[in-house]
Amino acid sequence: MSEPLLSPGDRLGPYRVHDRLGAGGMGEVFRAVDTRLGRAVAVKVLSAHGAHDPDRLQRFQQEARVVAALSHANVLALHDVGSQGGVDYAVFELLEGQTLRRRLESGPLPVAQAVDYGVQICRGLAAVHERGVVHRDLKPDNVFVTRGGEIKILDFGLAKLSQRGSGIAACSHDRTPTEPGLLVGTCGYMAPEQARGRPADARSDIFSLGAILYEMLSGRRAFAGPTPADTLAALLTRDPPDISGIARAVPRGLERVVRRCLERNPEQRFQSARDVAFGLDAVAEPAEPPRPAGAAALAIAVLALAGIGLLATVRHLSLSGTARGRGR
């Protein structure tokens, strides 16, 4: 592990660093305390290398601008940004839990839990798309599950990047660094139009959501291969196996929702995240079990007998009343 950019006790403005939470291509994330409010926060610091890379600096600043424009329970919240001593940083809410990628290491999720997480992702995406933002790198690594079961969408570093150069797709099994002239993403999760260098829109995120839903339910990636090229070929040419055929039985309606998200033609996918949420909610609602034919016949017979009995009683009372009348 490389030497941390900051050490416990270091200060960035009013934020006092406690420990490092993680590191990536963009920089490092630290647990810290806002000394003004006494609030625990996460501070994302751009690495020294990134600070001298115009493209990485642009991505870092862009992520802060994009997240600042969003306000939704299922999207990571930004509290502050700043720069001190040549160190650029962004301050986010501190999350306790694990990424969806880490959760999936232990296998597929129960169907009800997968549907719940899927609906939460949809709600966050709907808020993102309504602000004119396309995430473009949605995957289990960028979805966080809090200890309370709340979903948070992370990492908007690739959101709304201008598509420059030849538009050749570049990808890897995990994260592809941004390079001038390359359209980037993650193999196995990027939409086919992204892989072909075409413009991405909200429906591209819906394809990525479909890949996440498939993995939550099956425990396997929808598109995978021994190399990035093989994974990309699978994504562009082959449909993933039925979930019921490789893992377990899932409701047919749920399988149809996932398949529609994974349509290669954007026109044939769900057209909005709200539509996907509606489809998932419909699947989650327990259907009223059909009444067995025997039970239905029995119910009809009981009602018929009750009707006959009532008619006989009414007739008896009528005749009795008539007889009494004659007796007088």
C-alpha atoms as a PDB file:
ATOM      1  CA  MET A   1       0.000   0.000   0.000  1.00  0.00           C
ATOM      2  CA  SER A   2       1.359   3.427  -0.919  1.00  0.00           C
ATOM      3  CA  GLU A   3       2.105   6.069   1.664  1.00  0.00           C
ATOM      4  CA  PRO A   4      -1.108   7.994   2.533  1.00  0.00           C
ATOM      5  CA  LEU A   5      -1.362  11.567   1.311  1.00  0.00           C
ATOM      6  CA  LEU A   6      -2.478  12.626   4.796  1.00  0.00           C
ATOM      7  CA  SER A   7      -1.786  11.398   8.311  1.00  0.00           C
ATOM      8  CA  PRO A   8      -4.019  11.238  11.404  1.00  0.00           C
ATOM      9  CA  GLY A   9      -4.290  14.702  12.940  1.00  0.00           C
ATOM     10  CA  ASP A  10      -3.638  16.584   9.692  1.00  0.00           C
ATOM     11  CA  ARG A  11      -5.999  19.457   8.940  1.00  0.00           C
ATOM     12  CA  LEU A  12      -7.687  20.549   5.737  1.00  0.00           C
ATOM     13  CA  GLY A  13      -9.479  23.731   6.607  1.00  0.00           C
ATOM     14  CA  PRO A  14     -11.846  22.857   9.475  1.00  0.00           C
ATOM     15  CA  TYR A  15     -11.543  19.105   8.844  1.00  0.00           C
ATOM     16  CA  ARG A  16      -9.277  17.010  11.070  1.00  0.00           C
ATOM     17  CA  VAL A  17      -8.169  13.697   9.534  1.00  0.00           C
ATOM     18  CA  HIS A  18      -8.582  10.445  11.465  1.00  0.00           C
ATOM     19  CA  ASP A  19      -7.665   7.586   9.132  1.00  0.00           C
ATOM     20  CA  ARG A  20      -7.656   6.484   5.496  1.00  0.00           C
ATOM     21  CA  LEU A  21     -10.764   4.669   4.259  1.00  0.00           C
ATOM     22  CA  GLY A  22      -9.558   3.778   0.766  1.00  0.00           C
ATOM     23  CA  ALA A  23      -7.649   4.775  -2.331  1.00  0.00           C
ATOM     24  CA  GLY A  24      -8.244   4.723  -6.067  1.00  0.00           C
ATOM     25  CA  GLY A  25      -7.081   6.166  -9.343  1.00  0.00           C
ATOM     26  CA  MET A  26      -8.426   9.625  -8.531  1.00  0.00           C
ATOM     27  CA  GLY A  27      -6.992   9.935  -5.044  1.00  0.00           C
ATOM     28  CA  GLU A  28      -7.721   8.864  -1.482  1.00  0.00           C
ATOM     29  CA  VAL A  29     -10.653   9.007   0.917  1.00  0.00           C
ATOM     30  CA  PHE A  30     -10.200   9.749   4.618  1.00  0.00           C
ATOM     31  CA  ARG A  31     -12.439   9.663   7.639  1.00  0.00           C
ATOM     32  CA  ALA A  32     -12.398  13.096   9.231  1.00  0.00           C
ATOM     33  CA  VAL A  33     -14.284  15.343  11.628  1.00  0.00           C
ATOM     34  CA  ASP A  34     -15.762  18.728  10.865  1.00  0.00           C
ATOM     35  CA  THR A  35     -14.466  20.599  13.917  1.00  0.00           C
ATOM     36  CA  ARG A  36     -17.120  23.297  13.524  1.00  0.00           C
ATOM     37  CA  LEU A  37     -20.109  20.935  13.696  1.00  0.00           C
ATOM     38  CA  GLY A  38     -18.578  17.916  15.387  1.00  0.00           C
ATOM     39  CA  ARG A  39     -19.766  15.822  12.446  1.00  0.00           C
ATOM     40  CA  ALA A  40     -17.951  12.809  11.001  1.00  0.00           C
ATOM     41  CA  VAL A  41     -17.373  13.162   7.252  1.00  0.00           C
ATOM     42  CA  ALA A  42     -15.492  11.555   4.373  1.00  0.00           C
ATOM     43  CA  VAL A  43     -12.839  13.707   2.709  1.00  0.00           C
ATOM     44  CA  LYS A  44     -11.806  12.813  -0.836  1.00  0.00           C
ATOM     45  CA  VAL A  45      -8.361  14.162  -1.702  1.00  0.00           C
ATOM     46  CA  LEU A  46      -7.006  14.386  -5.235  1.00  0.00           C
ATOM     47  CA  SER A  47      -3.625  12.711  -5.495  1.00  0.00           C
ATOM     48  CA  ALA A  48      -0.522  14.780  -6.254  1.00  0.00           C
ATOM     49  CA  HIS A  49      -0.309  13.057  -9.641  1.00  0.00           C
ATOM     50  CA  GLY A  50      -3.938  13.845 -10.354  1.00  0.00           C
ATOM     51  CA  ALA A  51      -3.540  17.477  -9.379  1.00  0.00           C
ATOM     52  CA  HIS A  52      -1.018  17.888 -12.205  1.00  0.00           C
ATOM     53  CA  ASP A  53      -3.165  15.968 -14.705  1.00  0.00           C
ATOM     54  CA  PRO A  54      -5.668  18.386 -16.306  1.00  0.00           C
ATOM     55  CA  ASP A  55      -8.063  15.576 -17.196  1.00  0.00           C
ATOM     56  CA  ARG A  56      -8.109  14.060 -13.706  1.00  0.00           C
ATOM     57  CA  LEU A  57      -8.448  17.501 -12.129  1.00  0.00           C
ATOM     58  CA  GLN A  58     -11.372  18.220 -14.453  1.00  0.00           C
ATOM     59  CA  ARG A  59     -13.042  14.940 -13.466  1.00  0.00           C
ATOM     60  CA  PHE A  60     -12.530  15.673  -9.771  1.00  0.00           C
ATOM     61  CA  GLN A  61     -14.021  19.146 -10.074  1.00  0.00           C
ATOM     62  CA  GLN A  62     -16.810  17.916 -12.299  1.00  0.00           C
ATOM     63  CA  GLU A  63     -17.819  15.211  -9.831  1.00  0.00           C
ATOM     64  CA  ALA A  64     -18.114  17.840  -7.100  1.00  0.00           C
ATOM     65  CA  ARG A  65     -20.260  20.077  -9.341  1.00  0.00           C
ATOM     66  CA  VAL A  66     -22.520  17.213 -10.407  1.00  0.00           C
ATOM     67  CA  VAL A  67     -23.081  15.863  -6.877  1.00  0.00           C
ATOM     68  CA  ALA A  68     -23.635  19.387  -5.553  1.00  0.00           C
ATOM     69  CA  ALA A  69     -26.515  19.747  -8.035  1.00  0.00           C
ATOM     70  CA  LEU A  70     -28.185  16.597  -6.717  1.00  0.00           C
ATOM     71  CA  SER A  71     -30.158  16.146  -3.528  1.00  0.00           C
ATOM     72  CA  HIS A  72     -31.628  12.700  -3.024  1.00  0.00           C
ATOM     73  CA  ALA A  73     -31.581  10.068  -0.302  1.00  0.00           C
ATOM     74  CA  ASN A  74     -30.129   7.481  -2.711  1.00  0.00           C
ATOM     75  CA  VAL A  75     -27.259   9.662  -3.957  1.00  0.00           C
ATOM     76  CA  LEU A  76     -24.102  10.379  -1.953  1.00  0.00           C
ATOM     77  CA  ALA A  77     -24.341  13.903  -0.513  1.00  0.00           C
ATOM     78  CA  LEU A  78     -21.621  16.539  -0.923  1.00  0.00           C
ATOM     79  CA  HIS A  79     -21.022  18.890   2.020  1.00  0.00           C
ATOM     80  CA  ASP A  80     -18.097  21.059   0.950  1.00  0.00           C
ATOM     81  CA  VAL A  81     -15.119  21.552  -1.373  1.00  0.00           C
ATOM     82  CA  GLY A  82     -11.808  23.294  -0.819  1.00  0.00           C
ATOM     83  CA  SER A  83      -8.119  23.604  -1.566  1.00  0.00           C
ATOM     84  CA  GLN A  84      -5.242  23.989   0.843  1.00  0.00           C
ATOM     85  CA  GLY A  85      -1.522  23.980   0.191  1.00  0.00           C
ATOM     86  CA  GLY A  86      -2.063  22.717  -3.343  1.00  0.00           C
ATOM     87  CA  VAL A  87      -4.314  19.887  -2.124  1.00  0.00           C
ATOM     88  CA  ASP A  88      -7.804  19.799  -3.656  1.00  0.00           C
ATOM     89  CA  TYR A  89     -10.464  18.061  -1.592  1.00  0.00           C
ATOM     90  CA  ALA A  90     -14.200  17.377  -1.505  1.00  0.00           C
ATOM     91  CA  VAL A  91     -16.169  16.582   1.643  1.00  0.00           C
ATOM     92  CA  PHE A  92     -18.956  13.984   1.459  1.00  0.00           C
ATOM     93  CA  GLU A  93     -21.320  12.383   3.947  1.00  0.00           C
ATOM     94  CA  LEU A  94     -19.659   9.507   5.780  1.00  0.00           C
ATOM     95  CA  LEU A  95     -21.254   6.157   4.955  1.00  0.00           C
ATOM     96  CA  GLU A  96     -21.114   3.092   7.188  1.00  0.00           C
ATOM     97  CA  GLY A  97     -21.612  -0.239   5.442  1.00  0.00           C
ATOM     98  CA  GLN A  98     -20.145  -1.788   2.302  1.00  0.00           C
ATOM     99  CA  THR A  99     -20.251  -1.523  -1.455  1.00  0.00           C
ATOM    100  CA  LEU A 100     -22.663  -3.750  -3.331  1.00  0.00           C
ATOM    101  CA  ARG A 101     -19.596  -5.408  -4.895  1.00  0.00           C
ATOM    102  CA  ARG A 102     -18.395  -6.487  -1.451  1.00  0.00           C
ATOM    103  CA  ARG A 103     -21.876  -7.719  -0.532  1.00  0.00           C
ATOM    104  CA  LEU A 104     -22.082  -9.827  -3.708  1.00  0.00           C
ATOM    105  CA  GLU A 105     -18.860 -11.631  -2.809  1.00  0.00           C
ATOM    106  CA  SER A 106     -20.976 -13.800  -0.500  1.00  0.00           C
ATOM    107  CA  GLY A 107     -23.405 -14.793  -3.247  1.00  0.00           C
ATOM    108  CA  PRO A 108     -26.739 -13.699  -4.729  1.00  0.00           C
ATOM    109  CA  LEU A 109     -29.243 -11.681  -2.722  1.00  0.00           C
ATOM    110  CA  PRO A 110     -32.677 -12.873  -1.642  1.00  0.00           C
ATOM    111  CA  VAL A 111     -35.219 -11.900  -4.296  1.00  0.00           C
ATOM    112  CA  ALA A 112     -37.056  -9.424  -2.048  1.00  0.00           C
ATOM    113  CA  GLN A 113     -33.791  -7.715  -1.087  1.00  0.00           C
ATOM    114  CA  ALA A 114     -32.590  -7.525  -4.692  1.00  0.00           C
ATOM    115  CA  VAL A 115     -35.892  -5.917  -5.708  1.00  0.00           C
ATOM    116  CA  ASP A 116     -35.679  -3.438  -2.819  1.00  0.00           C
ATOM    117  CA  TYR A 117     -32.117  -2.439  -3.734  1.00  0.00           C
ATOM    118  CA  GLY A 118     -33.105  -2.205  -7.404  1.00  0.00           C
ATOM    119  CA  VAL A 119     -36.009   0.135  -6.629  1.00  0.00           C
ATOM    120  CA  GLN A 120     -33.732   2.353  -4.526  1.00  0.00           C
ATOM    121  CA  ILE A 121     -31.148   2.540  -7.318  1.00  0.00           C
ATOM    122  CA  CYS A 122     -33.970   3.482  -9.719  1.00  0.00           C
ATOM    123  CA  ARG A 123     -35.104   6.302  -7.457  1.00  0.00           C
ATOM    124  CA  GLY A 124     -31.592   7.684  -7.231  1.00  0.00           C
ATOM    125  CA  LEU A 125     -31.092   7.371 -10.997  1.00  0.00           C
ATOM    126  CA  ALA A 126     -34.406   9.097 -11.674  1.00  0.00           C
ATOM    127  CA  ALA A 127     -33.243  12.082  -9.610  1.00  0.00           C
ATOM    128  CA  VAL A 128     -29.886  12.072 -11.426  1.00  0.00           C
ATOM    129  CA  HIS A 129     -31.480  11.907 -14.868  1.00  0.00           C
ATOM    130  CA  GLU A 130     -33.973  14.640 -14.057  1.00  0.00           C
ATOM    131  CA  ARG A 131     -30.985  16.942 -13.543  1.00  0.00           C
ATOM    132  CA  GLY A 132     -29.727  16.081 -17.014  1.00  0.00           C
ATOM    133  CA  VAL A 133     -26.905  13.884 -15.699  1.00  0.00           C
ATOM    134  CA  VAL A 134     -25.909  10.463 -17.059  1.00  0.00           C
ATOM    135  CA  HIS A 135     -23.754   8.463 -14.646  1.00  0.00           C
ATOM    136  CA  ARG A 136     -22.018   6.330 -17.311  1.00  0.00           C
ATOM    137  CA  ASP A 137     -20.170   4.102 -14.843  1.00  0.00           C
ATOM    138  CA  LEU A 138     -22.916   2.439 -12.832  1.00  0.00           C
ATOM    139  CA  LYS A 139     -21.742  -0.898 -11.377  1.00  0.00           C
ATOM    140  CA  PRO A 140     -21.740  -2.708  -8.014  1.00  0.00           C
ATOM    141  CA  ASP A 141     -18.509  -0.950  -7.019  1.00  0.00           C
ATOM    142  CA  ASN A 142     -20.294   2.417  -7.297  1.00  0.00           C
ATOM    143  CA  VAL A 143     -23.371   1.387  -5.327  1.00  0.00           C
ATOM    144  CA  PHE A 144     -23.103   1.500  -1.531  1.00  0.00           C
ATOM    145  CA  VAL A 145     -25.307  -0.355   0.953  1.00  0.00           C
ATOM    146  CA  THR A 146     -25.486   1.295   4.367  1.00  0.00           C
ATOM    147  CA  ARG A 147     -25.878  -0.719   7.551  1.00  0.00           C
ATOM    148  CA  GLY A 148     -29.540   0.297   7.566  1.00  0.00           C
ATOM    149  CA  GLY A 149     -30.085  -1.103   4.063  1.00  0.00           C
ATOM    150  CA  GLU A 150     -30.177   2.275   2.313  1.00  0.00           C
ATOM    151  CA  ILE A 151     -28.659   2.488  -1.167  1.00  0.00           C
ATOM    152  CA  LYS A 152     -26.318   5.306  -2.172  1.00  0.00           C
ATOM    153  CA  ILE A 153     -25.056   5.883  -5.733  1.00  0.00           C
ATOM    154  CA  LEU A 154     -21.378   6.900  -5.747  1.00  0.00           C
ATOM    155  CA  ASP A 155     -18.652   8.185  -8.071  1.00  0.00           C
ATOM    156  CA  PHE A 156     -19.825  10.678 -10.670  1.00  0.00           C
ATOM    157  CA  GLY A 157     -16.340  11.171 -12.072  1.00  0.00           C
ATOM    158  CA  LEU A 158     -17.405  10.005 -15.549  1.00  0.00           C
ATOM    159  CA  ALA A 159     -20.790  11.709 -15.560  1.00  0.00           C
ATOM    160  CA  LYS A 160     -21.488  13.988 -18.540  1.00  0.00           C
ATOM    161  CA  LEU A 161     -17.932  13.856 -19.833  1.00  0.00           C
ATOM    162  CA  SER A 162     -17.595  15.414 -23.275  1.00  0.00           C
ATOM    163  CA  GLN A 163     -17.037  12.752 -25.934  1.00  0.00           C
ATOM    164  CA  ARG A 164     -13.820  13.712 -27.605  1.00  0.00           C
ATOM    165  CA  GLY A 165     -11.557  12.288 -30.261  1.00  0.00           C
ATOM    166  CA  SER A 166     -12.410   9.183 -32.232  1.00  0.00           C
ATOM    167  CA  GLY A 167     -14.767   7.756 -29.599  1.00  0.00           C
ATOM    168  CA  ILE A 168     -12.923   4.420 -29.418  1.00  0.00           C
ATOM    169  CA  ALA A 169     -14.143   2.439 -26.429  1.00  0.00           C
ATOM    170  CA  ALA A 170     -11.635   1.499 -23.758  1.00  0.00           C
ATOM    171  CA  CYS A 171     -12.470  -0.655 -20.781  1.00  0.00           C
ATOM    172  CA  SER A 172     -11.110  -2.996 -18.170  1.00  0.00           C
ATOM    173  CA  HIS A 173     -12.437  -5.542 -15.714  1.00  0.00           C
ATOM    174  CA  ASP A 174     -12.480  -2.905 -12.987  1.00  0.00           C
ATOM    175  CA  ARG A 175     -11.822   0.771 -13.655  1.00  0.00           C
ATOM    176  CA  THR A 176     -10.428   2.350 -16.797  1.00  0.00           C
ATOM    177  CA  PRO A 177      -8.402   5.534 -16.335  1.00  0.00           C
ATOM    178  CA  THR A 178      -9.612   8.510 -18.309  1.00  0.00           C
ATOM    179  CA  GLU A 179      -7.400   9.370 -21.267  1.00  0.00           C
ATOM    180  CA  PRO A 180      -7.892  12.058 -23.904  1.00  0.00           C
ATOM    181  CA  GLY A 181      -9.730  10.746 -26.969  1.00  0.00           C
ATOM    182  CA  LEU A 182     -11.174   7.657 -25.246  1.00  0.00           C
ATOM    183  CA  LEU A 183     -14.734   6.922 -24.269  1.00  0.00           C
ATOM    184  CA  VAL A 184     -14.387   5.071 -21.006  1.00  0.00           C
ATOM    185  CA  GLY A 185     -16.432   2.751 -18.865  1.00  0.00           C
ATOM    186  CA  THR A 186     -16.318  -0.685 -17.290  1.00  0.00           C
ATOM    187  CA  CYS A 187     -16.560  -3.825 -19.388  1.00  0.00           C
ATOM    188  CA  GLY A 188     -19.593  -5.899 -18.565  1.00  0.00           C
ATOM    189  CA  TYR A 189     -21.597  -2.907 -17.333  1.00  0.00           C
ATOM    190  CA  MET A 190     -21.317  -0.243 -20.032  1.00  0.00           C
ATOM    191  CA  ALA A 191     -24.191  -0.121 -22.510  1.00  0.00           C
ATOM    192  CA  PRO A 192     -23.584  -1.375 -26.075  1.00  0.00           C
ATOM    193  CA  GLU A 193     -23.864   2.151 -27.478  1.00  0.00           C
ATOM    194  CA  GLN A 194     -21.088   3.265 -25.123  1.00  0.00           C
ATOM    195  CA  ALA A 195     -18.936   0.326 -26.198  1.00  0.00           C
ATOM    196  CA  ARG A 196     -19.450   1.350 -29.818  1.00  0.00           C
ATOM    197  CA  GLY A 197     -18.445   4.941 -29.125  1.00  0.00           C
ATOM    198  CA  ARG A 198     -21.939   6.355 -29.528  1.00  0.00           C
ATOM    199  CA  PRO A 199     -23.519   8.978 -27.279  1.00  0.00           C
ATOM    200  CA  ALA A 200     -24.851   7.724 -23.950  1.00  0.00           C
ATOM    201  CA  ASP A 201     -28.121   8.861 -22.418  1.00  0.00           C
ATOM    202  CA  ALA A 202     -30.298   7.872 -19.472  1.00  0.00           C
ATOM    203  CA  ARG A 203     -31.126   4.562 -21.157  1.00  0.00           C
ATOM    204  CA  SER A 204     -27.425   3.665 -21.047  1.00  0.00           C
ATOM    205  CA  ASP A 205     -27.576   3.780 -17.255  1.00  0.00           C
ATOM    206  CA  ILE A 206     -30.666   1.556 -17.415  1.00  0.00           C
ATOM    207  CA  PHE A 207     -28.642  -1.107 -19.265  1.00  0.00           C
ATOM    208  CA  SER A 208     -26.023  -0.920 -16.496  1.00  0.00           C
ATOM    209  CA  LEU A 209     -28.814  -1.221 -13.943  1.00  0.00           C
ATOM    210  CA  GLY A 210     -29.999  -4.376 -15.715  1.00  0.00           C
ATOM    211  CA  ALA A 211     -26.521  -5.876 -15.391  1.00  0.00           C
ATOM    212  CA  ILE A 212     -26.548  -5.064 -11.662  1.00  0.00           C
ATOM    213  CA  LEU A 213     -30.015  -6.586 -11.179  1.00  0.00           C
ATOM    214  CA  TYR A 214     -28.896  -9.727 -13.007  1.00  0.00           C
ATOM    215  CA  GLU A 215     -25.845 -10.058 -10.760  1.00  0.00           C
ATOM    216  CA  MET A 216     -27.798  -9.454  -7.550  1.00  0.00           C
ATOM    217  CA  LEU A 217     -30.246 -12.223  -8.467  1.00  0.00           C
ATOM    218  CA  SER A 218     -27.878 -14.768  -9.999  1.00  0.00           C
ATOM    219  CA  GLY A 219     -24.616 -14.147  -8.168  1.00  0.00           C
ATOM    220  CA  ARG A 220     -22.860 -14.028 -11.578  1.00  0.00           C
ATOM    221  CA  ARG A 221     -21.960 -11.211 -13.912  1.00  0.00           C
ATOM    222  CA  ALA A 222     -24.247 -10.881 -16.894  1.00  0.00           C
ATOM    223  CA  PHE A 223     -21.291 -10.413 -19.263  1.00  0.00           C
ATOM    224  CA  ALA A 224     -17.852 -11.777 -18.479  1.00  0.00           C
ATOM    225  CA  GLY A 225     -14.818 -13.258 -20.204  1.00  0.00           C
ATOM    226  CA  PRO A 226     -11.178 -14.062 -19.538  1.00  0.00           C
ATOM    227  CA  THR A 227     -10.068 -10.777 -21.132  1.00  0.00           C
ATOM    228  CA  PRO A 228     -11.636  -7.329 -21.563  1.00  0.00           C
ATOM    229  CA  ALA A 229     -12.023  -8.052 -25.280  1.00  0.00           C
ATOM    230  CA  ASP A 230     -13.933 -11.284 -24.552  1.00  0.00           C
ATOM    231  CA  THR A 231     -16.167  -9.479 -22.072  1.00  0.00           C
ATOM    232  CA  LEU A 232     -16.890  -6.750 -24.595  1.00  0.00           C
ATOM    233  CA  ALA A 233     -17.687  -9.352 -27.264  1.00  0.00           C
ATOM    234  CA  ALA A 234     -20.127 -11.081 -24.907  1.00  0.00           C
ATOM    235  CA  LEU A 235     -21.835  -7.788 -24.135  1.00  0.00           C
ATOM    236  CA  LEU A 236     -22.236  -6.936 -27.829  1.00  0.00           C
ATOM    237  CA  THR A 237     -23.251 -10.340 -29.182  1.00  0.00           C
ATOM    238  CA  ARG A 238     -24.589 -12.732 -26.526  1.00  0.00           C
ATOM    239  CA  ASP A 239     -27.521 -12.700 -24.136  1.00  0.00           C
ATOM    240  CA  PRO A 240     -26.745 -13.868 -20.589  1.00  0.00           C
ATOM    241  CA  PRO A 241     -28.243 -17.224 -19.505  1.00  0.00           C
ATOM    242  CA  ASP A 242     -31.639 -17.262 -17.818  1.00  0.00           C
ATOM    243  CA  ILE A 243     -31.258 -16.576 -14.118  1.00  0.00           C
ATOM    244  CA  SER A 244     -33.523 -19.526 -13.314  1.00  0.00           C
ATOM    245  CA  GLY A 245     -31.218 -21.798 -15.298  1.00  0.00           C
ATOM    246  CA  ILE A 246     -28.032 -20.940 -13.409  1.00  0.00           C
ATOM    247  CA  ALA A 247     -29.071 -20.025  -9.888  1.00  0.00           C
ATOM    248  CA  ARG A 248     -32.638 -20.452  -8.746  1.00  0.00           C
ATOM    249  CA  ALA A 249     -36.198 -19.808  -9.716  1.00  0.00           C
ATOM    250  CA  VAL A 250     -37.180 -16.143  -9.810  1.00  0.00           C
ATOM    251  CA  PRO A 251     -40.583 -14.703 -10.683  1.00  0.00           C
ATOM    252  CA  ARG A 252     -41.036 -14.649 -14.441  1.00  0.00           C
ATOM    253  CA  GLY A 253     -42.115 -11.032 -14.268  1.00  0.00           C
ATOM    254  CA  LEU A 254     -38.848 -10.107 -12.553  1.00  0.00           C
ATOM    255  CA  GLU A 255     -36.808 -11.933 -15.204  1.00  0.00           C
ATOM    256  CA  ARG A 256     -38.704  -9.968 -17.883  1.00  0.00           C
ATOM    257  CA  VAL A 257     -37.865  -6.665 -16.164  1.00  0.00           C
ATOM    258  CA  VAL A 258     -34.162  -7.564 -16.129  1.00  0.00           C
ATOM    259  CA  ARG A 259     -34.226  -8.697 -19.773  1.00  0.00           C
ATOM    260  CA  ARG A 260     -35.878  -5.504 -20.892  1.00  0.00           C
ATOM    261  CA  CYS A 261     -33.210  -3.431 -19.138  1.00  0.00           C
ATOM    262  CA  LEU A 262     -30.565  -5.453 -21.021  1.00  0.00           C
ATOM    263  CA  GLU A 263     -31.970  -4.914 -24.513  1.00  0.00           C
ATOM    264  CA  ARG A 264     -29.112  -3.925 -26.823  1.00  0.00           C
ATOM    265  CA  ASN A 265     -31.298  -1.469 -28.719  1.00  0.00           C
ATOM    266  CA  PRO A 266     -31.966   1.538 -26.437  1.00  0.00           C
ATOM    267  CA  GLU A 267     -35.405   1.979 -28.027  1.00  0.00           C
ATOM    268  CA  GLN A 268     -36.440  -1.444 -26.725  1.00  0.00           C
ATOM    269  CA  ARG A 269     -35.334  -0.847 -23.141  1.00  0.00           C
ATOM    270  CA  PHE A 270     -37.296   0.836 -20.405  1.00  0.00           C
ATOM    271  CA  GLN A 271     -37.172   4.512 -21.286  1.00  0.00           C
ATOM    272  CA  SER A 272     -36.779   5.836 -17.752  1.00  0.00           C
ATOM    273  CA  ALA A 273     -35.610   4.708 -14.330  1.00  0.00           C
ATOM    274  CA  ARG A 274     -39.098   5.411 -13.009  1.00  0.00           C
ATOM    275  CA  ASP A 275     -40.479   2.854 -15.478  1.00  0.00           C
ATOM    276  CA  VAL A 276     -38.045   0.254 -14.136  1.00  0.00           C
ATOM    277  CA  ALA A 277     -39.033   1.065 -10.546  1.00  0.00           C
ATOM    278  CA  PHE A 278     -42.699   0.672 -11.489  1.00  0.00           C
ATOM    279  CA  GLY A 279     -41.944  -2.728 -13.048  1.00  0.00           C
ATOM    280  CA  LEU A 280     -40.014  -3.879  -9.983  1.00  0.00           C
ATOM    281  CA  ASP A 281     -42.730  -2.668  -7.611  1.00  0.00           C
ATOM    282  CA  ALA A 282     -45.333  -4.564  -9.634  1.00  0.00           C
ATOM    283  CA  VAL A 283     -43.303  -7.755  -9.359  1.00  0.00           C
ATOM    284  CA  ALA A 284     -42.809  -7.233  -5.627  1.00  0.00           C
ATOM    285  CA  GLU A 285     -46.558  -6.991  -4.932  1.00  0.00           C
ATOM    286  CA  PRO A 286     -47.814 -10.430  -3.906  1.00  0.00           C
ATOM    287  CA  ALA A 287     -50.403 -11.693  -6.343  1.00  0.00           C
ATOM    288  CA  GLU A 288     -53.647 -13.063  -4.942  1.00  0.00           C
ATOM    289  CA  PRO A 289     -53.357 -16.856  -5.238  1.00  0.00           C
ATOM    290  CA  PRO A 290     -55.914 -18.367  -7.623  1.00  0.00           C
ATOM    291  CA  ARG A 291     -58.733 -20.220  -5.893  1.00  0.00           C
ATOM    292  CA  PRO A 292     -58.666 -23.950  -6.634  1.00  0.00           C
ATOM    293  CA  ALA A 293     -61.423 -25.151  -8.947  1.00  0.00           C
ATOM    294  CA  GLY A 294     -62.709 -27.565  -6.288  1.00  0.00           C
ATOM    295  CA  ALA A 295     -62.922 -24.801  -3.698  1.00  0.00           C
ATOM    296  CA  ALA A 296     -64.716 -22.532  -6.156  1.00  0.00           C
ATOM    297  CA  ALA A 297     -67.231 -25.280  -6.979  1.00  0.00           C
ATOM    298  CA  LEU A 298     -67.759 -25.952  -3.273  1.00  0.00           C
ATOM    299  CA  ALA A 299     -68.322 -22.259  -2.597  1.00  0.00           C
ATOM    300  CA  ILE A 300     -70.902 -22.090  -5.388  1.00  0.00           C
ATOM    301  CA  ALA A 301     -72.642 -25.219  -4.047  1.00  0.00           C
ATOM    302  CA  VAL A 302     -72.764 -23.797  -0.517  1.00  0.00           C
ATOM    303  CA  LEU A 303     -74.223 -20.530  -1.803  1.00  0.00           C
ATOM    304  CA  ALA A 304     -76.763 -22.447  -3.886  1.00  0.00           C
ATOM    305  CA  LEU A 305     -77.833 -24.557  -0.904  1.00  0.00           C
ATOM    306  CA  ALA A 306     -78.066 -21.484   1.258  1.00  0.00           C
ATOM    307  CA  GLY A 307     -80.273 -19.874  -1.351  1.00  0.00           C
ATOM    308  CA  ILE A 308     -82.522 -22.947  -1.536  1.00  0.00           C
ATOM    309  CA  GLY A 309     -82.803 -23.033   2.233  1.00  0.00           C
ATOM    310  CA  LEU A 310     -83.679 -19.360   2.393  1.00  0.00           C
ATOM    311  CA  LEU A 311     -86.324 -19.803  -0.314  1.00  0.00           C
ATOM    312  CA  ALA A 312     -87.830 -22.767   1.538  1.00  0.00           C
ATOM    313  CA  THR A 313     -87.962 -20.786   4.774  1.00  0.00           C
ATOM    314  CA  VAL A 314     -89.650 -17.825   3.105  1.00  0.00           C
ATOM    315  CA  ARG A 315     -92.179 -20.139   1.430  1.00  0.00           C
ATOM    316  CA  HIS A 316     -92.908 -21.911   4.743  1.00  0.00           C
ATOM    317  CA  LEU A 317     -93.488 -18.636   6.522  1.00  0.00           C
ATOM    318  CA  SER A 318     -95.749 -17.473   3.705  1.00  0.00           C
ATOM    319  CA  LEU A 319     -97.880 -20.637   3.823  1.00  0.00           C
ATOM    320  CA  SER A 320     -98.094 -20.490   7.622  1.00  0.00           C
ATOM    321  CA  GLY A 321     -99.296 -16.913   7.460  1.00  0.00           C
ATOM    322  CA  THR A 322    -101.943 -17.828   4.909  1.00  0.00           C
ATOM    323  CA  ALA A 323    -103.217 -20.755   6.996  1.00  0.00           C
ATOM    324  CA  ARG A 324    -103.571 -18.587  10.077  1.00  0.00           C
ATOM    325  CA  GLY A 325    -105.470 -16.064   8.051  1.00  0.00           C
ATOM    326  CA  ARG A 326    -108.002 -18.701   6.963  1.00  0.00           C
ATOM    327  CA  GLY A 327    -108.350 -19.999  10.501  1.00  0.00           C
ATOM    328  CA  ARG A 328    -109.717 -16.679  11.599  1.00  0.00           C
END
